[in-house]
Amino acid sequence: MNNKIDNKITSNKYTWNESMILDKIQEILDDKNIDDLELSQEELESIISKLDNSLSTEELNDSACIVAENIDGLNVLPEEDIKEYILRLIDYLNNTNLKCIIGEFKGIEFEVFRDSNVDDVFKDYYSKYDEAYGISSMLSDLGLK
């Protein structure tokens, strides 16, 4: 189970919804607060075993996202713009049973879901881009926005 969940450290093609996994751990711990625990190796192994038994394959599949950069043919092409890239990711999802893919364009990660449309994903991407690079703030400072 540890290898299945701890995939951000490995080169796994998938990532999982961390909040879902933390919720499952909290269920296993009953009334104990996860933030207050100092776990021994034995207690940690017990939790991992219980977690392995409580997470269904369906839950993991529903919350899994494939990481685009780890899939051959889903890297950003040199002359490709963001909307073309988003469309390629949506097309890829439509040909799989996956529900989500994580893309990266110019250092900004974004999620694309099977029911996403290009404009909505672009708005989400641009919002993250704007937040990272402060485009709106610069335009406001210049009196252009």
N, C-alpha and C. Protein backbone atom coordinates (compact mmCIF):
# COMPACT_ATOMS: atom_id res chain seq x y z
N MET A 1 0.82 -1.20 0.00
CA MET A 1 0.00 0.00 0.00
C MET A 1 0.86 1.25 0.00
N ASN A 2 1.93 1.23 0.76
CA ASN A 2 2.80 2.38 0.84
C ASN A 2 3.29 2.79 -0.54
N ASN A 3 3.65 1.83 -1.36
CA ASN A 3 4.08 2.14 -2.72
C ASN A 3 2.95 2.68 -3.56
N LYS A 4 1.73 2.23 -3.30
CA LYS A 4 0.58 2.70 -4.07
C LYS A 4 0.25 4.15 -3.76
N ILE A 5 0.35 4.53 -2.49
CA ILE A 5 -0.06 5.87 -2.08
C ILE A 5 1.07 6.87 -2.18
N ASP A 6 2.28 6.47 -1.82
CA ASP A 6 3.40 7.39 -1.75
C ASP A 6 3.98 7.64 -3.13
N ASN A 7 3.13 7.97 -4.07
CA ASN A 7 3.57 8.04 -5.45
C ASN A 7 4.16 9.37 -5.85
N LYS A 8 4.05 10.40 -5.03
CA LYS A 8 4.65 11.67 -5.41
C LYS A 8 6.16 11.61 -5.24
N ILE A 9 6.61 10.67 -4.43
CA ILE A 9 8.04 10.50 -4.22
C ILE A 9 8.63 9.60 -5.30
N THR A 10 7.86 8.66 -5.79
CA THR A 10 8.33 7.75 -6.83
C THR A 10 7.98 8.31 -8.19
N SER A 11 8.30 7.57 -9.22
CA SER A 11 8.01 8.05 -10.58
C SER A 11 6.72 7.43 -11.11
N ASN A 12 5.79 7.16 -10.24
CA ASN A 12 4.51 6.57 -10.63
C ASN A 12 3.78 7.50 -11.59
N LYS A 13 2.97 6.92 -12.45
CA LYS A 13 2.21 7.72 -13.42
C LYS A 13 0.97 8.34 -12.80
N TYR A 14 0.63 7.96 -11.57
CA TYR A 14 -0.61 8.41 -10.96
C TYR A 14 -0.35 9.19 -9.68
N THR A 15 -1.28 10.07 -9.34
CA THR A 15 -1.31 10.68 -8.02
C THR A 15 -2.71 10.48 -7.49
N TRP A 16 -2.84 10.46 -6.18
CA TRP A 16 -4.15 10.26 -5.58
C TRP A 16 -4.56 11.47 -4.76
N ASN A 17 -5.85 11.62 -4.63
CA ASN A 17 -6.44 12.69 -3.85
C ASN A 17 -6.01 12.50 -2.39
N GLU A 18 -5.12 13.36 -1.93
CA GLU A 18 -4.56 13.22 -0.59
C GLU A 18 -5.62 13.39 0.50
N SER A 19 -6.59 14.26 0.28
CA SER A 19 -7.60 14.46 1.32
C SER A 19 -8.44 13.21 1.51
N MET A 20 -8.72 12.47 0.43
CA MET A 20 -9.47 11.22 0.56
C MET A 20 -8.67 10.22 1.38
N ILE A 21 -7.38 10.14 1.14
CA ILE A 21 -6.54 9.20 1.88
C ILE A 21 -6.45 9.62 3.34
N LEU A 22 -6.29 10.90 3.61
CA LEU A 22 -6.24 11.37 5.00
C LEU A 22 -7.56 11.13 5.72
N ASP A 23 -8.69 11.30 5.02
CA ASP A 23 -9.99 11.00 5.62
C ASP A 23 -10.08 9.53 6.00
N LYS A 24 -9.59 8.65 5.14
CA LYS A 24 -9.60 7.22 5.44
C LYS A 24 -8.71 6.91 6.64
N ILE A 25 -7.56 7.54 6.72
CA ILE A 25 -6.68 7.34 7.88
C ILE A 25 -7.38 7.80 9.14
N GLN A 26 -8.06 8.94 9.08
CA GLN A 26 -8.78 9.45 10.24
C GLN A 26 -9.86 8.48 10.68
N GLU A 27 -10.57 7.86 9.71
CA GLU A 27 -11.57 6.84 10.05
C GLU A 27 -10.94 5.68 10.80
N ILE A 28 -9.78 5.25 10.36
CA ILE A 28 -9.09 4.13 10.99
C ILE A 28 -8.66 4.48 12.41
N LEU A 29 -8.30 5.73 12.63
CA LEU A 29 -7.81 6.16 13.94
C LEU A 29 -8.93 6.40 14.95
N ASP A 30 -10.16 6.28 14.53
CA ASP A 30 -11.33 6.51 15.39
C ASP A 30 -11.31 7.90 15.98
N ASP A 31 -11.19 8.01 17.30
CA ASP A 31 -11.30 9.30 17.97
C ASP A 31 -9.97 10.04 18.09
N LYS A 32 -8.88 9.41 17.72
CA LYS A 32 -7.58 10.04 17.84
C LYS A 32 -7.40 11.07 16.73
N ASN A 33 -6.75 12.17 17.06
CA ASN A 33 -6.47 13.21 16.08
C ASN A 33 -5.15 12.89 15.39
N ILE A 34 -5.17 12.83 14.08
CA ILE A 34 -3.97 12.47 13.32
C ILE A 34 -2.81 13.42 13.57
N ASP A 35 -3.10 14.69 13.84
CA ASP A 35 -2.04 15.67 14.07
C ASP A 35 -1.36 15.50 15.42
N ASP A 36 -2.02 14.83 16.36
CA ASP A 36 -1.47 14.68 17.71
C ASP A 36 -0.72 13.36 17.91
N LEU A 37 -0.64 12.55 16.90
CA LEU A 37 -0.04 11.23 17.04
C LEU A 37 1.47 11.25 16.88
N GLU A 38 2.13 10.45 17.70
CA GLU A 38 3.55 10.14 17.51
C GLU A 38 3.59 8.65 17.32
N LEU A 39 3.70 8.22 16.08
CA LEU A 39 3.53 6.82 15.74
C LEU A 39 4.85 6.04 15.78
N SER A 40 4.76 4.87 16.38
CA SER A 40 5.89 3.95 16.31
C SER A 40 5.81 3.23 14.96
N GLN A 41 6.86 2.53 14.61
CA GLN A 41 6.87 1.78 13.35
C GLN A 41 5.76 0.75 13.35
N GLU A 42 5.52 0.10 14.48
CA GLU A 42 4.47 -0.93 14.59
C GLU A 42 3.09 -0.33 14.39
N GLU A 43 2.83 0.83 15.01
CA GLU A 43 1.53 1.49 14.85
C GLU A 43 1.33 1.95 13.40
N LEU A 44 2.38 2.46 12.79
CA LEU A 44 2.31 2.91 11.41
C LEU A 44 2.01 1.73 10.48
N GLU A 45 2.66 0.61 10.70
CA GLU A 45 2.41 -0.57 9.87
C GLU A 45 0.98 -1.07 10.05
N SER A 46 0.46 -0.96 11.27
CA SER A 46 -0.93 -1.36 11.53
C SER A 46 -1.90 -0.45 10.78
N ILE A 47 -1.64 0.85 10.79
CA ILE A 47 -2.49 1.80 10.07
C ILE A 47 -2.43 1.53 8.57
N ILE A 48 -1.25 1.28 8.05
CA ILE A 48 -1.10 1.00 6.62
C ILE A 48 -1.88 -0.26 6.25
N SER A 49 -1.81 -1.26 7.09
CA SER A 49 -2.54 -2.50 6.83
C SER A 49 -4.05 -2.25 6.83
N LYS A 50 -4.54 -1.50 7.83
CA LYS A 50 -5.97 -1.18 7.89
C LYS A 50 -6.38 -0.31 6.70
N LEU A 51 -5.53 0.61 6.32
CA LEU A 51 -5.82 1.48 5.18
C LEU A 51 -5.90 0.66 3.90
N ASP A 52 -4.98 -0.25 3.74
CA ASP A 52 -4.98 -1.12 2.57
C ASP A 52 -6.28 -1.90 2.46
N ASN A 53 -6.82 -2.32 3.61
CA ASN A 53 -8.07 -3.08 3.61
C ASN A 53 -9.31 -2.20 3.47
N SER A 54 -9.20 -0.89 3.77
CA SER A 54 -10.38 -0.05 3.75
C SER A 54 -10.54 0.74 2.45
N LEU A 55 -9.47 0.87 1.67
CA LEU A 55 -9.57 1.59 0.40
C LEU A 55 -9.90 0.61 -0.71
N SER A 56 -11.02 0.82 -1.33
CA SER A 56 -11.40 -0.06 -2.43
C SER A 56 -10.70 0.38 -3.71
N THR A 57 -10.53 -0.53 -4.61
CA THR A 57 -9.94 -0.20 -5.91
C THR A 57 -10.78 0.86 -6.61
N GLU A 58 -12.09 0.77 -6.45
CA GLU A 58 -12.97 1.76 -7.07
C GLU A 58 -12.71 3.16 -6.52
N GLU A 59 -12.54 3.28 -5.18
CA GLU A 59 -12.25 4.59 -4.59
C GLU A 59 -10.93 5.14 -5.11
N LEU A 60 -9.92 4.28 -5.19
CA LEU A 60 -8.63 4.74 -5.69
C LEU A 60 -8.73 5.15 -7.15
N ASN A 61 -9.42 4.36 -7.95
CA ASN A 61 -9.57 4.70 -9.37
C ASN A 61 -10.35 6.00 -9.55
N ASP A 62 -11.37 6.20 -8.72
CA ASP A 62 -12.17 7.43 -8.82
C ASP A 62 -11.37 8.66 -8.44
N SER A 63 -10.39 8.50 -7.56
CA SER A 63 -9.65 9.67 -7.11
C SER A 63 -8.28 9.80 -7.76
N ALA A 64 -7.93 8.84 -8.61
CA ALA A 64 -6.62 8.87 -9.23
C ALA A 64 -6.57 9.83 -10.41
N CYS A 65 -5.46 10.49 -10.54
CA CYS A 65 -5.19 11.33 -11.69
C CYS A 65 -3.90 10.84 -12.33
N ILE A 66 -3.89 10.72 -13.62
CA ILE A 66 -2.67 10.34 -14.32
C ILE A 66 -1.85 11.61 -14.53
N VAL A 67 -0.54 11.49 -14.46
CA VAL A 67 0.35 12.62 -14.64
C VAL A 67 0.81 12.62 -16.10
N ALA A 68 0.43 13.64 -16.83
CA ALA A 68 0.65 13.68 -18.28
C ALA A 68 2.12 13.56 -18.66
N GLU A 69 3.00 14.20 -17.90
CA GLU A 69 4.41 14.20 -18.28
C GLU A 69 5.03 12.80 -18.22
N ASN A 70 4.39 11.88 -17.53
CA ASN A 70 4.90 10.52 -17.44
C ASN A 70 4.38 9.60 -18.54
N ILE A 71 3.55 10.12 -19.42
CA ILE A 71 2.96 9.32 -20.50
C ILE A 71 3.62 9.72 -21.82
N ASP A 72 4.14 8.71 -22.51
CA ASP A 72 4.74 8.99 -23.83
C ASP A 72 3.72 9.65 -24.74
N GLY A 73 4.13 10.71 -25.38
CA GLY A 73 3.26 11.41 -26.32
C GLY A 73 2.40 12.49 -25.71
N LEU A 74 2.48 12.67 -24.39
CA LEU A 74 1.67 13.73 -23.76
C LEU A 74 2.51 14.87 -23.21
N ASN A 75 3.74 14.97 -23.67
CA ASN A 75 4.55 16.14 -23.32
C ASN A 75 4.11 17.30 -24.18
N VAL A 76 4.36 18.50 -23.71
CA VAL A 76 4.02 19.70 -24.47
C VAL A 76 4.92 19.77 -25.70
N LEU A 77 4.32 20.00 -26.85
CA LEU A 77 5.09 20.14 -28.08
C LEU A 77 5.67 21.55 -28.17
N PRO A 78 6.83 21.71 -28.80
CA PRO A 78 7.53 23.02 -28.81
C PRO A 78 6.69 24.20 -29.27
N GLU A 79 5.89 24.04 -30.30
CA GLU A 79 5.12 25.17 -30.84
C GLU A 79 3.67 25.18 -30.36
N GLU A 80 3.32 24.29 -29.44
CA GLU A 80 1.93 24.13 -29.00
C GLU A 80 1.54 25.22 -28.01
N ASP A 81 0.32 25.74 -28.15
CA ASP A 81 -0.16 26.69 -27.15
C ASP A 81 -0.99 25.93 -26.11
N ILE A 82 -1.34 26.62 -25.05
CA ILE A 82 -2.00 25.98 -23.92
C ILE A 82 -3.34 25.35 -24.31
N LYS A 83 -4.13 26.01 -25.13
CA LYS A 83 -5.44 25.47 -25.49
C LYS A 83 -5.30 24.20 -26.33
N GLU A 84 -4.32 24.15 -27.22
CA GLU A 84 -4.08 22.93 -27.99
C GLU A 84 -3.68 21.79 -27.06
N TYR A 85 -2.83 22.11 -26.09
CA TYR A 85 -2.38 21.09 -25.15
C TYR A 85 -3.55 20.57 -24.30
N ILE A 86 -4.39 21.47 -23.82
CA ILE A 86 -5.57 21.07 -23.04
C ILE A 86 -6.46 20.15 -23.87
N LEU A 87 -6.68 20.50 -25.12
CA LEU A 87 -7.51 19.68 -26.00
C LEU A 87 -6.91 18.29 -26.17
N ARG A 88 -5.59 18.20 -26.31
CA ARG A 88 -4.94 16.88 -26.42
C ARG A 88 -5.15 16.06 -25.16
N LEU A 89 -5.08 16.71 -23.99
CA LEU A 89 -5.30 15.99 -22.73
C LEU A 89 -6.74 15.50 -22.62
N ILE A 90 -7.70 16.34 -23.01
CA ILE A 90 -9.11 15.94 -22.99
C ILE A 90 -9.33 14.76 -23.94
N ASP A 91 -8.75 14.84 -25.13
CA ASP A 91 -8.87 13.73 -26.09
C ASP A 91 -8.28 12.44 -25.52
N TYR A 92 -7.16 12.56 -24.83
CA TYR A 92 -6.54 11.38 -24.21
C TYR A 92 -7.49 10.76 -23.18
N LEU A 93 -8.08 11.61 -22.33
CA LEU A 93 -9.01 11.11 -21.31
C LEU A 93 -10.21 10.42 -21.94
N ASN A 94 -10.70 10.97 -23.03
CA ASN A 94 -11.86 10.38 -23.69
C ASN A 94 -11.58 8.99 -24.25
N ASN A 95 -10.31 8.66 -24.41
CA ASN A 95 -9.94 7.35 -24.93
C ASN A 95 -9.47 6.39 -23.84
N THR A 96 -9.67 6.76 -22.57
CA THR A 96 -9.29 5.91 -21.44
C THR A 96 -10.47 5.81 -20.48
N ASN A 97 -10.30 5.03 -19.44
CA ASN A 97 -11.32 4.98 -18.39
C ASN A 97 -10.96 5.87 -17.22
N LEU A 98 -9.94 6.69 -17.37
CA LEU A 98 -9.53 7.61 -16.31
C LEU A 98 -10.45 8.83 -16.29
N LYS A 99 -10.52 9.46 -15.13
CA LYS A 99 -11.39 10.62 -14.98
C LYS A 99 -10.62 11.93 -14.92
N CYS A 100 -9.30 11.85 -14.69
CA CYS A 100 -8.53 13.07 -14.48
C CYS A 100 -7.11 12.89 -14.99
N ILE A 101 -6.55 13.98 -15.48
CA ILE A 101 -5.14 14.01 -15.88
C ILE A 101 -4.54 15.32 -15.41
N ILE A 102 -3.31 15.26 -14.94
CA ILE A 102 -2.61 16.46 -14.46
C ILE A 102 -1.61 16.87 -15.52
N GLY A 103 -1.79 18.07 -16.05
CA GLY A 103 -0.89 18.59 -17.05
C GLY A 103 -0.02 19.68 -16.46
N GLU A 104 1.03 20.02 -17.19
CA GLU A 104 1.90 21.13 -16.78
C GLU A 104 2.29 21.90 -18.02
N PHE A 105 2.11 23.21 -17.96
CA PHE A 105 2.45 24.07 -19.09
C PHE A 105 3.17 25.29 -18.53
N LYS A 106 4.39 25.52 -18.96
CA LYS A 106 5.21 26.65 -18.51
C LYS A 106 5.30 26.71 -16.99
N GLY A 107 5.48 25.55 -16.38
CA GLY A 107 5.69 25.48 -14.93
C GLY A 107 4.43 25.53 -14.08
N ILE A 108 3.27 25.59 -14.70
CA ILE A 108 2.02 25.66 -13.96
C ILE A 108 1.27 24.34 -14.13
N GLU A 109 1.00 23.66 -13.01
CA GLU A 109 0.23 22.41 -13.04
C GLU A 109 -1.26 22.71 -13.03
N PHE A 110 -2.02 21.89 -13.74
CA PHE A 110 -3.47 22.04 -13.76
C PHE A 110 -4.10 20.68 -13.98
N GLU A 111 -5.35 20.56 -13.56
CA GLU A 111 -6.08 19.30 -13.71
C GLU A 111 -7.10 19.41 -14.83
N VAL A 112 -7.24 18.32 -15.57
CA VAL A 112 -8.25 18.22 -16.62
C VAL A 112 -9.08 17.00 -16.29
N PHE A 113 -10.39 17.17 -16.26
CA PHE A 113 -11.31 16.07 -15.98
C PHE A 113 -12.00 15.66 -17.27
N ARG A 114 -12.53 14.45 -17.27
CA ARG A 114 -13.18 13.91 -18.46
C ARG A 114 -14.27 14.85 -18.98
N ASP A 115 -15.03 15.49 -18.09
CA ASP A 115 -16.12 16.35 -18.51
C ASP A 115 -15.71 17.82 -18.65
N SER A 116 -14.40 18.09 -18.62
CA SER A 116 -13.89 19.46 -18.76
C SER A 116 -14.06 19.97 -20.18
N ASN A 117 -14.16 21.29 -20.28
CA ASN A 117 -14.07 21.88 -21.62
C ASN A 117 -12.84 22.79 -21.65
N VAL A 118 -12.34 23.05 -22.82
CA VAL A 118 -11.08 23.75 -23.00
C VAL A 118 -11.10 25.12 -22.32
N ASP A 119 -12.18 25.87 -22.49
CA ASP A 119 -12.22 27.23 -21.94
C ASP A 119 -12.19 27.24 -20.41
N ASP A 120 -12.89 26.32 -19.77
CA ASP A 120 -12.88 26.26 -18.30
C ASP A 120 -11.50 25.89 -17.77
N VAL A 121 -10.86 24.91 -18.40
CA VAL A 121 -9.52 24.52 -17.97
C VAL A 121 -8.54 25.67 -18.21
N PHE A 122 -8.69 26.36 -19.35
CA PHE A 122 -7.82 27.50 -19.63
C PHE A 122 -7.97 28.59 -18.57
N LYS A 123 -9.22 28.88 -18.18
CA LYS A 123 -9.45 29.90 -17.15
C LYS A 123 -8.78 29.51 -15.84
N ASP A 124 -8.89 28.22 -15.47
CA ASP A 124 -8.23 27.73 -14.26
C ASP A 124 -6.72 27.85 -14.38
N TYR A 125 -6.19 27.44 -15.53
CA TYR A 125 -4.74 27.55 -15.77
C TYR A 125 -4.30 29.01 -15.70
N TYR A 126 -5.01 29.89 -16.39
CA TYR A 126 -4.61 31.29 -16.42
C TYR A 126 -4.68 31.92 -15.03
N SER A 127 -5.68 31.53 -14.25
CA SER A 127 -5.78 32.02 -12.88
C SER A 127 -4.53 31.63 -12.07
N LYS A 128 -4.10 30.39 -12.21
CA LYS A 128 -2.88 29.95 -11.52
C LYS A 128 -1.65 30.66 -12.07
N TYR A 129 -1.61 30.86 -13.38
CA TYR A 129 -0.50 31.57 -14.02
C TYR A 129 -0.44 33.00 -13.51
N ASP A 130 -1.60 33.66 -13.46
CA ASP A 130 -1.69 35.04 -12.98
C ASP A 130 -1.24 35.12 -11.53
N GLU A 131 -1.68 34.16 -10.72
CA GLU A 131 -1.29 34.14 -9.31
C GLU A 131 0.23 33.96 -9.16
N ALA A 132 0.80 33.08 -9.97
CA ALA A 132 2.23 32.80 -9.88
C ALA A 132 3.08 33.98 -10.36
N TYR A 133 2.65 34.64 -11.41
CA TYR A 133 3.47 35.69 -12.02
C TYR A 133 2.96 37.11 -11.77
N GLY A 134 1.80 37.27 -11.14
CA GLY A 134 1.29 38.58 -10.78
C GLY A 134 0.96 39.49 -11.95
N ILE A 135 0.45 38.94 -13.02
CA ILE A 135 0.13 39.72 -14.22
C ILE A 135 -0.91 40.79 -13.91
N SER A 136 -2.00 40.40 -13.25
CA SER A 136 -3.07 41.36 -12.93
C SER A 136 -2.55 42.50 -12.05
N SER A 137 -1.72 42.17 -11.08
CA SER A 137 -1.15 43.21 -10.20
C SER A 137 -0.30 44.19 -10.99
N MET A 138 0.51 43.66 -11.91
CA MET A 138 1.35 44.55 -12.72
C MET A 138 0.49 45.46 -13.59
N LEU A 139 -0.57 44.89 -14.19
CA LEU A 139 -1.44 45.71 -15.03
C LEU A 139 -2.16 46.78 -14.21
N SER A 140 -2.58 46.41 -12.98
CA SER A 140 -3.22 47.39 -12.09
C SER A 140 -2.25 48.49 -11.72
N ASP A 141 -1.00 48.11 -11.39
CA ASP A 141 0.00 49.09 -11.02
C ASP A 141 0.28 50.06 -12.16
N LEU A 142 0.15 49.58 -13.38
CA LEU A 142 0.38 50.44 -14.55
C LEU A 142 -0.88 51.19 -14.96
N GLY A 143 -2.00 50.94 -14.25
CA GLY A 143 -3.27 51.59 -14.58
C GLY A 143 -3.94 51.04 -15.82
N LEU A 144 -3.57 49.84 -16.20
CA LEU A 144 -4.14 49.23 -17.39
C LEU A 144 -5.27 48.26 -17.09
N LYS A 145 -5.56 48.04 -15.84
CA LYS A 145 -6.65 47.14 -15.49
C LYS A 145 -7.52 47.73 -14.43
